[in-house]
């Protein structure tokens, strides 16, 4: 049923973006179409987002880091591409920087929701990394994170931080509201990683959320770095 719903959503989206009056029944499509038309947005990023949801219906784990990044290319990177297109800045190398930032944000979300994802039957942390740290999958559903799980999450957090660092040259290449928007995304990811570290990488007890002053601190930091980098 979920696959059929996704198919119907994609079909409705494609049929609603021409010059005809908007007749879409889905409220999301009706809300999107005016922006798609006004900004001349391509449908491919939306198709990839829908494809990510299709993947979630059958894929329960990811063997390698590369495989996980391929999933992020569907589930996260199209968002950054659409943001850049709305602002009129979607050219290389901005697209590559944006992809890194979006993938980093997606990894951060996975780190925050390890136990929730496990309960839903999904493990987004690469199988090769679980094996590297000697982490048996059931440990991801425990009430508290074992030292093994903490070490694994620390490793993945460092990877996410590295991806987010591409946000500095991306922000530096932009101006005005576009720069502020990207700086906000990067600052949010950094602040979320701070929260995970503050929890000593135990995201099983509770999903750590960023503090407002950390978000503001990182926002200022990214903006300053962008001005220096420009």
N, C-alpha and C. Protein backbone atom coordinates (compact mmCIF):
# COMPACT_ATOMS: atom_id res chain seq x y z
N UNK A 1 0.83 -1.20 0.00
CA UNK A 1 0.00 0.00 0.00
C UNK A 1 0.87 1.26 0.00
N UNK A 2 1.93 1.25 0.79
CA UNK A 2 2.79 2.43 0.84
C UNK A 2 3.44 2.69 -0.52
N UNK A 3 3.89 1.64 -1.18
CA UNK A 3 4.49 1.81 -2.50
C UNK A 3 3.47 2.40 -3.47
N UNK A 4 2.24 1.90 -3.41
CA UNK A 4 1.19 2.42 -4.29
C UNK A 4 0.93 3.89 -4.00
N UNK A 5 0.96 4.27 -2.75
CA UNK A 5 0.75 5.67 -2.38
C UNK A 5 1.87 6.55 -2.93
N UNK A 6 3.11 6.05 -2.84
CA UNK A 6 4.24 6.81 -3.37
C UNK A 6 4.16 6.94 -4.88
N UNK A 7 3.75 5.86 -5.54
CA UNK A 7 3.57 5.91 -6.99
C UNK A 7 2.52 6.95 -7.37
N UNK A 8 1.43 6.98 -6.61
CA UNK A 8 0.35 7.93 -6.89
C UNK A 8 0.82 9.36 -6.66
N UNK A 9 1.62 9.56 -5.60
CA UNK A 9 2.15 10.89 -5.31
C UNK A 9 3.04 11.38 -6.44
N UNK A 10 3.92 10.50 -6.94
CA UNK A 10 4.81 10.89 -8.03
C UNK A 10 4.03 11.21 -9.29
N UNK A 11 3.02 10.38 -9.59
CA UNK A 11 2.21 10.60 -10.79
C UNK A 11 1.46 11.92 -10.70
N UNK A 12 0.93 12.21 -9.53
CA UNK A 12 0.18 13.45 -9.35
C UNK A 12 1.09 14.67 -9.45
N UNK A 13 2.29 14.55 -8.90
CA UNK A 13 3.25 15.65 -8.97
C UNK A 13 3.60 15.96 -10.42
N UNK A 14 3.87 14.93 -11.20
CA UNK A 14 4.27 15.13 -12.59
C UNK A 14 3.14 15.71 -13.43
N UNK A 15 1.92 15.35 -13.12
CA UNK A 15 0.80 15.84 -13.92
C UNK A 15 0.33 17.22 -13.50
N UNK A 16 0.86 17.71 -12.38
CA UNK A 16 0.36 18.98 -11.84
C UNK A 16 1.26 20.17 -12.14
N UNK A 17 2.39 19.94 -12.80
CA UNK A 17 3.35 21.03 -12.95
C UNK A 17 3.30 21.71 -14.32
N UNK A 18 2.38 21.32 -15.18
CA UNK A 18 2.28 22.01 -16.46
C UNK A 18 1.44 23.28 -16.27
N UNK A 19 1.00 23.88 -17.33
CA UNK A 19 0.31 25.17 -17.25
C UNK A 19 -1.18 25.04 -16.95
N UNK A 20 -1.66 23.85 -16.76
CA UNK A 20 -3.06 23.67 -16.46
C UNK A 20 -3.36 24.10 -15.02
N UNK A 21 -4.63 24.39 -14.69
CA UNK A 21 -4.98 24.71 -13.31
C UNK A 21 -4.59 23.56 -12.38
N UNK A 22 -4.19 23.89 -11.18
CA UNK A 22 -3.76 22.87 -10.24
C UNK A 22 -4.96 22.06 -9.79
N UNK A 23 -4.95 20.76 -10.10
CA UNK A 23 -6.06 19.89 -9.72
C UNK A 23 -5.61 18.78 -8.80
N UNK A 24 -4.39 18.87 -8.29
CA UNK A 24 -3.86 17.81 -7.44
C UNK A 24 -4.70 17.65 -6.18
N UNK A 25 -4.91 16.42 -5.78
CA UNK A 25 -5.68 16.14 -4.58
C UNK A 25 -4.80 16.14 -3.33
N UNK A 26 -3.53 15.78 -3.49
CA UNK A 26 -2.63 15.70 -2.35
C UNK A 26 -2.25 17.11 -1.89
N UNK A 27 -2.42 17.38 -0.61
CA UNK A 27 -2.18 18.74 -0.10
C UNK A 27 -0.72 19.17 -0.29
N UNK A 28 0.22 18.22 -0.17
CA UNK A 28 1.63 18.56 -0.36
C UNK A 28 1.88 19.01 -1.79
N UNK A 29 1.30 18.29 -2.74
CA UNK A 29 1.48 18.65 -4.14
C UNK A 29 0.88 20.02 -4.42
N UNK A 30 -0.29 20.25 -3.89
CA UNK A 30 -0.94 21.55 -4.12
C UNK A 30 -0.09 22.68 -3.55
N UNK A 31 0.56 22.44 -2.43
CA UNK A 31 1.39 23.48 -1.83
C UNK A 31 2.69 23.68 -2.61
N UNK A 32 3.20 22.63 -3.21
CA UNK A 32 4.49 22.70 -3.90
C UNK A 32 4.41 23.31 -5.30
N UNK A 33 3.33 23.02 -6.00
CA UNK A 33 3.27 23.36 -7.41
C UNK A 33 3.51 24.84 -7.69
N UNK A 34 2.93 25.78 -6.96
CA UNK A 34 3.20 27.20 -7.26
C UNK A 34 4.69 27.55 -7.19
N UNK A 35 5.39 27.00 -6.20
CA UNK A 35 6.83 27.26 -6.09
C UNK A 35 7.59 26.59 -7.22
N UNK A 36 7.22 25.36 -7.56
CA UNK A 36 7.87 24.66 -8.67
C UNK A 36 7.75 25.48 -9.95
N UNK A 37 6.56 26.02 -10.18
CA UNK A 37 6.35 26.80 -11.40
C UNK A 37 7.10 28.13 -11.35
N UNK A 38 6.99 28.83 -10.22
CA UNK A 38 7.59 30.15 -10.12
C UNK A 38 9.11 30.10 -10.22
N UNK A 39 9.71 29.06 -9.62
CA UNK A 39 11.18 28.94 -9.61
C UNK A 39 11.69 28.01 -10.69
N UNK A 40 10.77 27.47 -11.50
CA UNK A 40 11.14 26.55 -12.59
C UNK A 40 12.00 25.40 -12.05
N UNK A 41 11.52 24.79 -10.98
CA UNK A 41 12.26 23.69 -10.36
C UNK A 41 12.06 22.41 -11.17
N UNK A 42 13.13 21.64 -11.36
CA UNK A 42 13.00 20.35 -12.05
C UNK A 42 12.34 19.33 -11.13
N UNK A 43 11.76 18.32 -11.71
CA UNK A 43 11.09 17.30 -10.90
C UNK A 43 12.05 16.23 -10.39
N UNK A 44 13.24 16.14 -10.97
CA UNK A 44 14.15 15.06 -10.59
C UNK A 44 14.46 15.03 -9.10
N UNK A 45 14.74 16.16 -8.44
CA UNK A 45 14.99 16.08 -6.99
C UNK A 45 13.80 15.52 -6.22
N UNK A 46 12.59 15.87 -6.63
CA UNK A 46 11.40 15.34 -5.97
C UNK A 46 11.27 13.84 -6.22
N UNK A 47 11.60 13.41 -7.43
CA UNK A 47 11.55 11.98 -7.73
C UNK A 47 12.53 11.21 -6.83
N UNK A 48 13.72 11.80 -6.61
CA UNK A 48 14.71 11.12 -5.76
C UNK A 48 14.24 11.04 -4.31
N UNK A 49 13.56 12.08 -3.84
CA UNK A 49 13.02 12.02 -2.48
C UNK A 49 11.97 10.93 -2.35
N UNK A 50 11.13 10.81 -3.35
CA UNK A 50 10.12 9.74 -3.35
C UNK A 50 10.82 8.39 -3.43
N UNK A 51 11.88 8.30 -4.25
CA UNK A 51 12.63 7.05 -4.37
C UNK A 51 13.23 6.63 -3.03
N UNK A 52 13.69 7.60 -2.23
CA UNK A 52 14.23 7.28 -0.91
C UNK A 52 13.18 6.62 -0.04
N UNK A 53 11.96 7.11 -0.13
CA UNK A 53 10.88 6.50 0.64
C UNK A 53 10.56 5.09 0.14
N UNK A 54 10.71 4.88 -1.15
CA UNK A 54 10.53 3.52 -1.66
C UNK A 54 11.61 2.59 -1.10
N UNK A 55 12.85 3.09 -1.06
CA UNK A 55 13.95 2.30 -0.50
C UNK A 55 13.64 1.89 0.93
N UNK A 56 13.09 2.82 1.71
CA UNK A 56 12.79 2.54 3.12
C UNK A 56 11.76 1.43 3.29
N UNK A 57 11.00 1.15 2.27
CA UNK A 57 9.98 0.11 2.38
C UNK A 57 10.56 -1.30 2.32
N UNK A 58 11.79 -1.42 1.79
CA UNK A 58 12.34 -2.78 1.65
C UNK A 58 13.76 -2.93 2.17
N UNK A 59 14.51 -1.84 2.29
CA UNK A 59 15.90 -1.95 2.71
C UNK A 59 16.01 -1.64 4.20
N UNK A 60 16.59 -2.56 4.94
CA UNK A 60 16.64 -2.45 6.39
C UNK A 60 18.02 -2.15 6.94
N UNK A 61 19.06 -2.27 6.12
CA UNK A 61 20.41 -1.99 6.60
C UNK A 61 21.31 -1.63 5.41
N UNK A 62 22.47 -1.08 5.74
CA UNK A 62 23.41 -0.59 4.72
C UNK A 62 24.79 -1.19 5.00
N UNK A 63 25.33 -1.86 4.01
CA UNK A 63 26.54 -2.63 4.22
C UNK A 63 27.76 -1.75 4.45
N UNK A 64 27.87 -0.66 3.70
CA UNK A 64 29.08 0.16 3.73
C UNK A 64 28.73 1.64 3.86
N UNK A 65 29.75 2.42 4.17
CA UNK A 65 29.60 3.88 4.22
C UNK A 65 29.19 4.42 2.85
N UNK A 66 29.78 3.90 1.80
CA UNK A 66 29.44 4.33 0.45
C UNK A 66 27.98 4.06 0.14
N UNK A 67 27.49 2.91 0.57
CA UNK A 67 26.09 2.56 0.33
C UNK A 67 25.16 3.51 1.08
N UNK A 68 25.55 3.89 2.30
CA UNK A 68 24.75 4.82 3.07
C UNK A 68 24.73 6.20 2.40
N UNK A 69 25.87 6.64 1.89
CA UNK A 69 25.92 7.92 1.19
C UNK A 69 25.07 7.89 -0.08
N UNK A 70 25.01 6.74 -0.73
CA UNK A 70 24.14 6.61 -1.90
C UNK A 70 22.68 6.81 -1.50
N UNK A 71 22.31 6.32 -0.32
CA UNK A 71 20.95 6.54 0.19
C UNK A 71 20.73 8.02 0.47
N UNK A 72 21.73 8.67 1.07
CA UNK A 72 21.62 10.10 1.36
C UNK A 72 21.46 10.91 0.08
N UNK A 73 22.03 10.42 -1.02
CA UNK A 73 21.89 11.10 -2.30
C UNK A 73 20.43 11.14 -2.75
N UNK A 74 19.63 10.22 -2.21
CA UNK A 74 18.19 10.21 -2.50
C UNK A 74 17.39 10.93 -1.42
N UNK A 75 17.75 10.68 -0.16
CA UNK A 75 16.91 11.13 0.95
C UNK A 75 17.20 12.54 1.43
N UNK A 76 18.42 13.05 1.16
CA UNK A 76 18.82 14.33 1.74
C UNK A 76 19.33 15.33 0.71
N UNK A 77 20.21 14.90 -0.16
CA UNK A 77 20.88 15.84 -1.07
C UNK A 77 19.92 16.62 -1.97
N UNK A 78 18.79 16.02 -2.39
CA UNK A 78 17.87 16.80 -3.22
C UNK A 78 17.34 18.06 -2.53
N UNK A 79 17.27 18.04 -1.20
CA UNK A 79 16.78 19.21 -0.47
C UNK A 79 17.73 20.39 -0.70
N UNK A 80 19.03 20.13 -0.55
CA UNK A 80 20.00 21.19 -0.78
C UNK A 80 19.98 21.70 -2.20
N UNK A 81 19.81 20.77 -3.15
CA UNK A 81 19.75 21.17 -4.55
C UNK A 81 18.57 22.10 -4.80
N UNK A 82 17.43 21.78 -4.21
CA UNK A 82 16.25 22.61 -4.40
C UNK A 82 16.42 23.98 -3.74
N UNK A 83 17.05 24.00 -2.57
CA UNK A 83 17.31 25.28 -1.91
C UNK A 83 18.19 26.17 -2.79
N UNK A 84 19.26 25.58 -3.34
CA UNK A 84 20.14 26.36 -4.20
C UNK A 84 19.41 26.85 -5.45
N UNK A 85 18.54 26.02 -6.00
CA UNK A 85 17.80 26.42 -7.20
C UNK A 85 16.83 27.56 -6.89
N UNK A 86 16.18 27.50 -5.73
CA UNK A 86 15.25 28.57 -5.36
C UNK A 86 15.99 29.90 -5.26
N UNK A 87 17.22 29.85 -4.73
CA UNK A 87 18.01 31.07 -4.59
C UNK A 87 18.76 31.44 -5.87
N UNK A 88 18.76 30.54 -6.88
CA UNK A 88 19.44 30.83 -8.14
C UNK A 88 20.94 30.59 -8.09
N UNK A 89 21.40 29.67 -7.23
CA UNK A 89 22.84 29.43 -7.07
C UNK A 89 23.23 27.98 -7.35
N UNK A 90 22.44 27.25 -8.11
CA UNK A 90 22.70 25.82 -8.29
C UNK A 90 23.68 25.58 -9.43
N UNK A 91 24.96 25.80 -9.15
CA UNK A 91 26.03 25.50 -10.10
C UNK A 91 27.17 24.84 -9.33
N UNK A 92 28.03 24.12 -10.04
CA UNK A 92 29.21 23.54 -9.42
C UNK A 92 30.23 24.63 -9.12
N UNK A 93 31.03 24.49 -8.03
CA UNK A 93 31.06 23.35 -7.12
C UNK A 93 30.05 23.42 -5.99
N UNK A 94 29.13 24.37 -6.05
CA UNK A 94 28.17 24.50 -4.95
C UNK A 94 27.36 23.23 -4.74
N UNK A 95 27.00 22.57 -5.84
CA UNK A 95 26.19 21.35 -5.71
C UNK A 95 26.93 20.30 -4.89
N UNK A 96 28.22 20.11 -5.15
CA UNK A 96 28.99 19.10 -4.41
C UNK A 96 29.10 19.47 -2.93
N UNK A 97 29.33 20.74 -2.65
CA UNK A 97 29.39 21.18 -1.25
C UNK A 97 28.05 20.95 -0.57
N UNK A 98 26.99 21.29 -1.27
CA UNK A 98 25.65 21.12 -0.73
C UNK A 98 25.34 19.66 -0.44
N UNK A 99 25.75 18.78 -1.36
CA UNK A 99 25.53 17.35 -1.16
C UNK A 99 26.22 16.87 0.12
N UNK A 100 27.44 17.33 0.35
CA UNK A 100 28.18 16.93 1.55
C UNK A 100 27.45 17.39 2.80
N UNK A 101 27.01 18.64 2.81
CA UNK A 101 26.30 19.18 3.97
C UNK A 101 25.01 18.40 4.24
N UNK A 102 24.24 18.17 3.20
CA UNK A 102 22.97 17.46 3.37
C UNK A 102 23.19 16.03 3.84
N UNK A 103 24.20 15.36 3.30
CA UNK A 103 24.51 14.01 3.76
C UNK A 103 24.93 14.03 5.23
N UNK A 104 25.75 15.04 5.59
CA UNK A 104 26.16 15.17 6.98
C UNK A 104 24.97 15.34 7.91
N UNK A 105 24.02 16.19 7.52
CA UNK A 105 22.82 16.40 8.33
C UNK A 105 21.99 15.12 8.44
N UNK A 106 21.93 14.35 7.35
CA UNK A 106 21.19 13.10 7.40
C UNK A 106 21.85 12.11 8.36
N UNK A 107 23.18 12.04 8.35
CA UNK A 107 23.90 11.15 9.27
C UNK A 107 23.65 11.57 10.70
N UNK A 108 23.67 12.89 10.97
CA UNK A 108 23.40 13.38 12.32
C UNK A 108 22.02 12.90 12.78
N UNK A 109 21.04 13.00 11.91
CA UNK A 109 19.70 12.55 12.27
C UNK A 109 19.68 11.06 12.58
N UNK A 110 20.40 10.28 11.80
CA UNK A 110 20.48 8.85 12.08
C UNK A 110 21.10 8.59 13.45
N UNK A 111 22.12 9.37 13.81
CA UNK A 111 22.77 9.19 15.11
C UNK A 111 21.82 9.55 16.25
N UNK A 112 20.97 10.52 16.05
CA UNK A 112 20.01 10.92 17.07
C UNK A 112 18.92 9.87 17.27
N UNK A 113 18.63 9.10 16.22
CA UNK A 113 17.46 8.22 16.24
C UNK A 113 17.83 6.74 16.15
N UNK A 114 19.00 6.36 16.66
CA UNK A 114 19.46 4.98 16.53
C UNK A 114 18.46 3.99 17.10
N UNK A 115 18.04 4.22 18.34
CA UNK A 115 17.13 3.26 18.98
C UNK A 115 15.76 3.25 18.31
N UNK A 116 15.26 4.43 17.94
CA UNK A 116 13.97 4.53 17.25
C UNK A 116 14.01 3.79 15.92
N UNK A 117 15.08 3.98 15.16
CA UNK A 117 15.21 3.29 13.88
C UNK A 117 15.28 1.78 14.08
N UNK A 118 16.03 1.36 15.10
CA UNK A 118 16.16 -0.09 15.35
C UNK A 118 14.80 -0.68 15.69
N UNK A 119 14.02 0.03 16.49
CA UNK A 119 12.69 -0.45 16.85
C UNK A 119 11.78 -0.57 15.63
N UNK A 120 12.05 0.28 14.62
CA UNK A 120 11.26 0.23 13.38
C UNK A 120 11.81 -0.79 12.39
N UNK A 121 12.88 -1.49 12.79
CA UNK A 121 13.43 -2.53 11.93
C UNK A 121 14.48 -2.05 10.96
N UNK A 122 15.04 -0.84 11.20
CA UNK A 122 16.06 -0.30 10.30
C UNK A 122 17.33 0.02 11.07
N UNK A 123 18.47 -0.23 10.41
CA UNK A 123 19.78 0.16 10.95
C UNK A 123 20.48 0.95 9.85
N UNK A 124 20.67 2.24 10.11
CA UNK A 124 21.33 3.07 9.11
C UNK A 124 22.85 3.11 9.29
N UNK A 125 23.35 2.75 10.44
CA UNK A 125 24.79 2.70 10.63
C UNK A 125 25.36 1.56 9.80
N UNK A 126 26.42 1.80 9.03
CA UNK A 126 26.93 0.77 8.12
C UNK A 126 27.31 -0.53 8.84
N UNK A 127 26.94 -1.64 8.24
CA UNK A 127 27.24 -2.95 8.82
C UNK A 127 28.74 -3.12 9.00
N UNK A 128 29.55 -2.62 8.05
CA UNK A 128 31.00 -2.77 8.16
C UNK A 128 31.53 -2.04 9.40
N UNK A 129 30.87 -0.96 9.81
CA UNK A 129 31.31 -0.23 11.00
C UNK A 129 30.87 -0.94 12.27
N UNK A 130 29.67 -1.53 12.26
CA UNK A 130 29.25 -2.33 13.42
C UNK A 130 30.24 -3.45 13.65
N UNK A 131 30.65 -4.11 12.57
CA UNK A 131 31.60 -5.21 12.70
C UNK A 131 32.97 -4.72 13.15
N UNK A 132 33.39 -3.57 12.65
CA UNK A 132 34.68 -2.99 13.01
C UNK A 132 34.77 -2.72 14.50
N UNK A 133 33.66 -2.26 15.10
CA UNK A 133 33.66 -1.93 16.53
C UNK A 133 33.11 -3.06 17.39
N UNK A 134 32.83 -4.21 16.78
CA UNK A 134 32.32 -5.34 17.54
C UNK A 134 30.95 -5.08 18.14
N UNK A 135 30.12 -4.36 17.40
CA UNK A 135 28.81 -3.96 17.89
C UNK A 135 27.73 -4.86 17.30
N UNK A 136 27.14 -5.71 18.13
CA UNK A 136 26.04 -6.55 17.66
C UNK A 136 24.78 -5.70 17.50
N UNK A 137 24.01 -5.92 16.44
CA UNK A 137 22.83 -5.09 16.18
C UNK A 137 21.88 -4.94 17.37
N UNK A 138 21.60 -5.98 18.16
CA UNK A 138 20.67 -5.79 19.29
C UNK A 138 21.11 -4.72 20.29
N UNK A 139 22.40 -4.42 20.34
CA UNK A 139 22.88 -3.38 21.25
C UNK A 139 22.31 -2.01 20.90
N UNK A 140 21.91 -1.84 19.65
CA UNK A 140 21.35 -0.56 19.21
C UNK A 140 19.94 -0.34 19.75
N UNK A 141 19.32 -1.39 20.24
CA UNK A 141 17.97 -1.27 20.79
C UNK A 141 17.94 -1.32 22.30
N UNK A 142 19.11 -1.29 22.92
CA UNK A 142 19.17 -1.36 24.39
C UNK A 142 18.71 -0.04 25.01
N UNK A 143 18.47 -0.06 26.32
CA UNK A 143 18.02 1.15 27.02
C UNK A 143 19.16 2.16 27.19
N UNK A 144 20.38 1.63 27.27
CA UNK A 144 21.55 2.48 27.42
C UNK A 144 22.61 2.05 26.41
N UNK A 145 23.42 3.00 25.98
CA UNK A 145 24.49 2.69 25.03
C UNK A 145 25.68 2.08 25.75
N UNK A 146 26.13 0.95 25.27
CA UNK A 146 27.33 0.32 25.82
C UNK A 146 28.56 1.08 25.33
N UNK A 147 29.72 0.85 25.93
CA UNK A 147 30.94 1.48 25.42
C UNK A 147 31.16 1.19 23.94
N UNK A 148 30.79 0.01 23.50
CA UNK A 148 30.93 -0.35 22.09
C UNK A 148 30.09 0.57 21.20
N UNK A 149 28.84 0.77 21.61
CA UNK A 149 27.95 1.64 20.84
C UNK A 149 28.45 3.08 20.87
N UNK A 150 28.91 3.53 22.02
CA UNK A 150 29.41 4.90 22.13
C UNK A 150 30.59 5.12 21.19
N UNK A 151 31.48 4.17 21.15
CA UNK A 151 32.65 4.30 20.25
C UNK A 151 32.22 4.34 18.80
N UNK A 152 31.24 3.53 18.45
CA UNK A 152 30.72 3.52 17.09
C UNK A 152 30.10 4.87 16.74
N UNK A 153 29.29 5.41 17.64
CA UNK A 153 28.63 6.67 17.36
C UNK A 153 29.62 7.83 17.33
N UNK A 154 30.66 7.76 18.15
CA UNK A 154 31.70 8.79 18.09
C UNK A 154 32.37 8.79 16.72
N UNK A 155 32.63 7.61 16.20
CA UNK A 155 33.26 7.46 14.88
C UNK A 155 32.37 8.06 13.79
N UNK A 156 31.08 7.74 13.83
CA UNK A 156 30.16 8.25 12.80
C UNK A 156 29.95 9.75 12.96
N UNK A 157 29.98 10.25 14.19
CA UNK A 157 29.83 11.69 14.41
C UNK A 157 31.00 12.45 13.81
N UNK A 158 32.19 11.90 13.91
CA UNK A 158 33.35 12.55 13.30
C UNK A 158 33.21 12.60 11.79
N UNK A 159 32.68 11.56 11.21
CA UNK A 159 32.44 11.55 9.77
C UNK A 159 31.42 12.62 9.38
N UNK A 160 30.35 12.71 10.16
CA UNK A 160 29.33 13.72 9.88
C UNK A 160 29.91 15.12 9.99
N UNK A 161 30.74 15.35 10.99
CA UNK A 161 31.36 16.66 11.17
C UNK A 161 32.21 17.03 9.96
N UNK A 162 32.95 16.06 9.45
CA UNK A 162 33.79 16.30 8.26
C UNK A 162 32.93 16.71 7.07
N UNK A 163 31.79 16.05 6.89
CA UNK A 163 30.90 16.41 5.79
C UNK A 163 30.35 17.83 5.96
N UNK A 164 29.99 18.18 7.18
CA UNK A 164 29.41 19.50 7.43
C UNK A 164 30.40 20.62 7.17
N UNK A 165 31.69 20.33 7.24
CA UNK A 165 32.68 21.38 7.04
C UNK A 165 32.65 21.96 5.63
N UNK A 166 32.08 21.22 4.68
CA UNK A 166 31.92 21.76 3.32
C UNK A 166 30.92 22.90 3.30
N UNK A 167 30.22 23.10 4.42
CA UNK A 167 29.28 24.21 4.50
C UNK A 167 29.95 25.56 4.51
N UNK A 168 31.21 25.62 4.95
CA UNK A 168 31.91 26.90 5.00
C UNK A 168 32.19 27.44 3.59
N UNK A 169 32.84 26.68 2.70
CA UNK A 169 33.02 27.21 1.34
C UNK A 169 31.71 27.42 0.60
N UNK A 170 30.70 26.59 0.92
CA UNK A 170 29.39 26.79 0.28
C UNK A 170 28.80 28.13 0.71
N UNK A 171 28.78 28.39 2.00
CA UNK A 171 28.25 29.66 2.48
C UNK A 171 29.06 30.84 1.94
N UNK A 172 30.39 30.66 1.87
CA UNK A 172 31.26 31.73 1.38
C UNK A 172 30.96 32.07 -0.07
N UNK A 173 30.46 31.11 -0.83
CA UNK A 173 30.19 31.34 -2.25
C UNK A 173 28.84 31.99 -2.49
N UNK A 174 28.07 32.18 -1.41
CA UNK A 174 26.73 32.73 -1.52
C UNK A 174 26.66 34.13 -0.92
N UNK A 175 25.52 34.76 -1.10
CA UNK A 175 25.30 36.09 -0.53
C UNK A 175 23.91 36.17 0.06
N UNK A 176 23.70 37.18 0.91
CA UNK A 176 22.38 37.49 1.41
C UNK A 176 21.67 36.36 2.13
N UNK A 177 20.38 36.21 1.80
CA UNK A 177 19.55 35.20 2.47
C UNK A 177 20.04 33.79 2.20
N UNK A 178 20.60 33.56 1.03
CA UNK A 178 21.10 32.22 0.71
C UNK A 178 22.23 31.85 1.65
N UNK A 179 23.16 32.77 1.88
CA UNK A 179 24.26 32.48 2.81
C UNK A 179 23.72 32.21 4.21
N UNK A 180 22.77 33.03 4.66
CA UNK A 180 22.21 32.85 5.99
C UNK A 180 21.52 31.49 6.12
N UNK A 181 20.80 31.09 5.07
CA UNK A 181 20.09 29.81 5.11
C UNK A 181 21.07 28.65 5.24
N UNK A 182 22.11 28.64 4.43
CA UNK A 182 23.09 27.56 4.47
C UNK A 182 23.84 27.57 5.80
N UNK A 183 24.22 28.76 6.27
CA UNK A 183 24.89 28.86 7.56
C UNK A 183 24.01 28.30 8.66
N UNK A 184 22.70 28.52 8.56
CA UNK A 184 21.78 27.99 9.55
C UNK A 184 21.73 26.47 9.53
N UNK A 185 21.74 25.88 8.33
CA UNK A 185 21.74 24.42 8.23
C UNK A 185 22.99 23.83 8.88
N UNK A 186 24.14 24.41 8.54
CA UNK A 186 25.41 23.90 9.06
C UNK A 186 25.47 24.08 10.58
N UNK A 187 25.05 25.26 11.04
CA UNK A 187 25.05 25.52 12.48
C UNK A 187 24.15 24.52 13.21
N UNK A 188 23.00 24.20 12.63
CA UNK A 188 22.12 23.23 13.25
C UNK A 188 22.75 21.86 13.36
N UNK A 189 23.46 21.45 12.31
CA UNK A 189 24.15 20.16 12.36
C UNK A 189 25.25 20.13 13.39
N UNK A 190 26.03 21.20 13.46
CA UNK A 190 27.12 21.28 14.43
C UNK A 190 26.56 21.26 15.86
N UNK A 191 25.49 22.02 16.09
CA UNK A 191 24.90 22.07 17.42
C UNK A 191 24.33 20.71 17.82
N UNK A 192 23.78 19.98 16.86
CA UNK A 192 23.27 18.64 17.15
C UNK A 192 24.41 17.69 17.51
N UNK A 193 25.54 17.82 16.83
CA UNK A 193 26.70 17.00 17.18
C UNK A 193 27.22 17.37 18.56
N UNK A 194 27.16 18.64 18.92
CA UNK A 194 27.53 19.05 20.28
C UNK A 194 26.65 18.34 21.31
N UNK A 195 25.36 18.27 21.01
CA UNK A 195 24.42 17.62 21.93
C UNK A 195 24.72 16.14 22.08
N UNK A 196 25.07 15.50 20.97
CA UNK A 196 25.42 14.08 21.02
C UNK A 196 26.68 13.86 21.84
N UNK A 197 27.67 14.73 21.63
CA UNK A 197 28.91 14.62 22.41
C UNK A 197 28.64 14.90 23.88
N UNK A 198 27.78 15.86 24.17
CA UNK A 198 27.45 16.20 25.55
C UNK A 198 26.77 15.03 26.26
N UNK A 199 26.06 14.20 25.50
CA UNK A 199 25.43 13.00 26.04
C UNK A 199 26.40 11.83 26.11
N UNK A 200 27.68 12.11 25.86
CA UNK A 200 28.72 11.08 25.84
C UNK A 200 28.38 9.99 24.83
N UNK A 201 27.78 10.41 23.73
CA UNK A 201 27.46 9.55 22.59
C UNK A 201 26.48 8.43 22.96
N UNK A 202 25.68 8.68 23.98
CA UNK A 202 24.59 7.76 24.30
C UNK A 202 23.29 8.38 23.82
N UNK A 203 22.87 8.01 22.62
CA UNK A 203 21.62 8.53 22.06
C UNK A 203 20.48 7.53 22.24
N UNK A 204 20.72 6.48 23.03
CA UNK A 204 19.68 5.47 23.24
C UNK A 204 18.76 5.85 24.39
N UNK A 205 19.30 6.50 25.41
CA UNK A 205 18.48 6.91 26.55
C UNK A 205 17.47 7.96 26.11
N UNK A 206 17.97 8.97 25.42
CA UNK A 206 17.12 10.03 24.90
C UNK A 206 17.82 10.61 23.68
N UNK A 207 17.04 11.07 22.71
CA UNK A 207 17.64 11.65 21.52
C UNK A 207 18.12 13.07 21.84
N UNK A 208 19.43 13.30 21.87
CA UNK A 208 19.95 14.63 22.25
C UNK A 208 19.55 15.68 21.22
N UNK A 209 19.12 16.82 21.72
CA UNK A 209 18.73 17.92 20.84
C UNK A 209 19.61 19.14 21.12
N UNK A 210 19.89 19.93 20.11
CA UNK A 210 20.81 21.07 20.29
C UNK A 210 20.23 22.15 21.18
N UNK A 211 21.13 22.85 21.86
CA UNK A 211 20.72 24.00 22.67
C UNK A 211 20.73 25.26 21.80
N UNK A 212 19.84 26.17 22.14
CA UNK A 212 19.69 27.38 21.33
C UNK A 212 20.99 28.19 21.27
N UNK A 213 21.67 28.32 22.41
CA UNK A 213 22.88 29.14 22.39
C UNK A 213 24.01 28.47 21.61
N UNK A 214 24.00 27.14 21.56
CA UNK A 214 24.99 26.46 20.72
C UNK A 214 24.69 26.72 19.25
N UNK A 215 23.42 26.70 18.89
CA UNK A 215 23.03 26.99 17.51
C UNK A 215 23.47 28.39 17.11
N UNK A 216 23.21 29.36 17.97
CA UNK A 216 23.59 30.74 17.67
C UNK A 216 25.10 30.89 17.59
N UNK A 217 25.80 30.21 18.49
CA UNK A 217 27.28 30.28 18.48
C UNK A 217 27.83 29.75 17.16
N UNK A 218 27.31 28.63 16.72
CA UNK A 218 27.80 28.05 15.46
C UNK A 218 27.37 28.88 14.26
N UNK A 219 26.20 29.49 14.34
CA UNK A 219 25.75 30.34 13.25
C UNK A 219 26.72 31.51 13.06
N UNK A 220 27.11 32.13 14.14
CA UNK A 220 28.07 33.23 14.07
C UNK A 220 29.41 32.72 13.54
N UNK A 221 29.82 31.54 14.01
CA UNK A 221 31.10 30.98 13.60
C UNK A 221 31.13 30.68 12.10
N UNK A 222 30.07 30.09 11.58
CA UNK A 222 30.02 29.76 10.16
C UNK A 222 29.99 31.03 9.32
N UNK A 223 29.22 32.02 9.76
CA UNK A 223 29.16 33.28 9.03
C UNK A 223 30.53 33.96 8.99
N UNK A 224 31.22 33.96 10.13
CA UNK A 224 32.55 34.58 10.19
C UNK A 224 33.53 33.83 9.29
N UNK A 225 33.50 32.50 9.36
CA UNK A 225 34.39 31.69 8.53
C UNK A 225 34.10 31.90 7.05
N UNK A 226 32.82 32.05 6.71
CA UNK A 226 32.44 32.25 5.31
C UNK A 226 32.98 33.59 4.80
N UNK A 227 32.91 34.61 5.64
CA UNK A 227 33.42 35.92 5.21
C UNK A 227 34.94 35.86 5.01
N UNK A 228 35.62 35.10 5.86
CA UNK A 228 37.07 34.96 5.74
C UNK A 228 37.44 34.15 4.50
N UNK A 229 36.61 33.14 4.23
CA UNK A 229 36.88 32.21 3.12
C UNK A 229 36.57 32.84 1.77
N UNK A 230 35.65 33.80 1.78
CA UNK A 230 35.18 34.38 0.50
C UNK A 230 36.31 35.09 -0.24
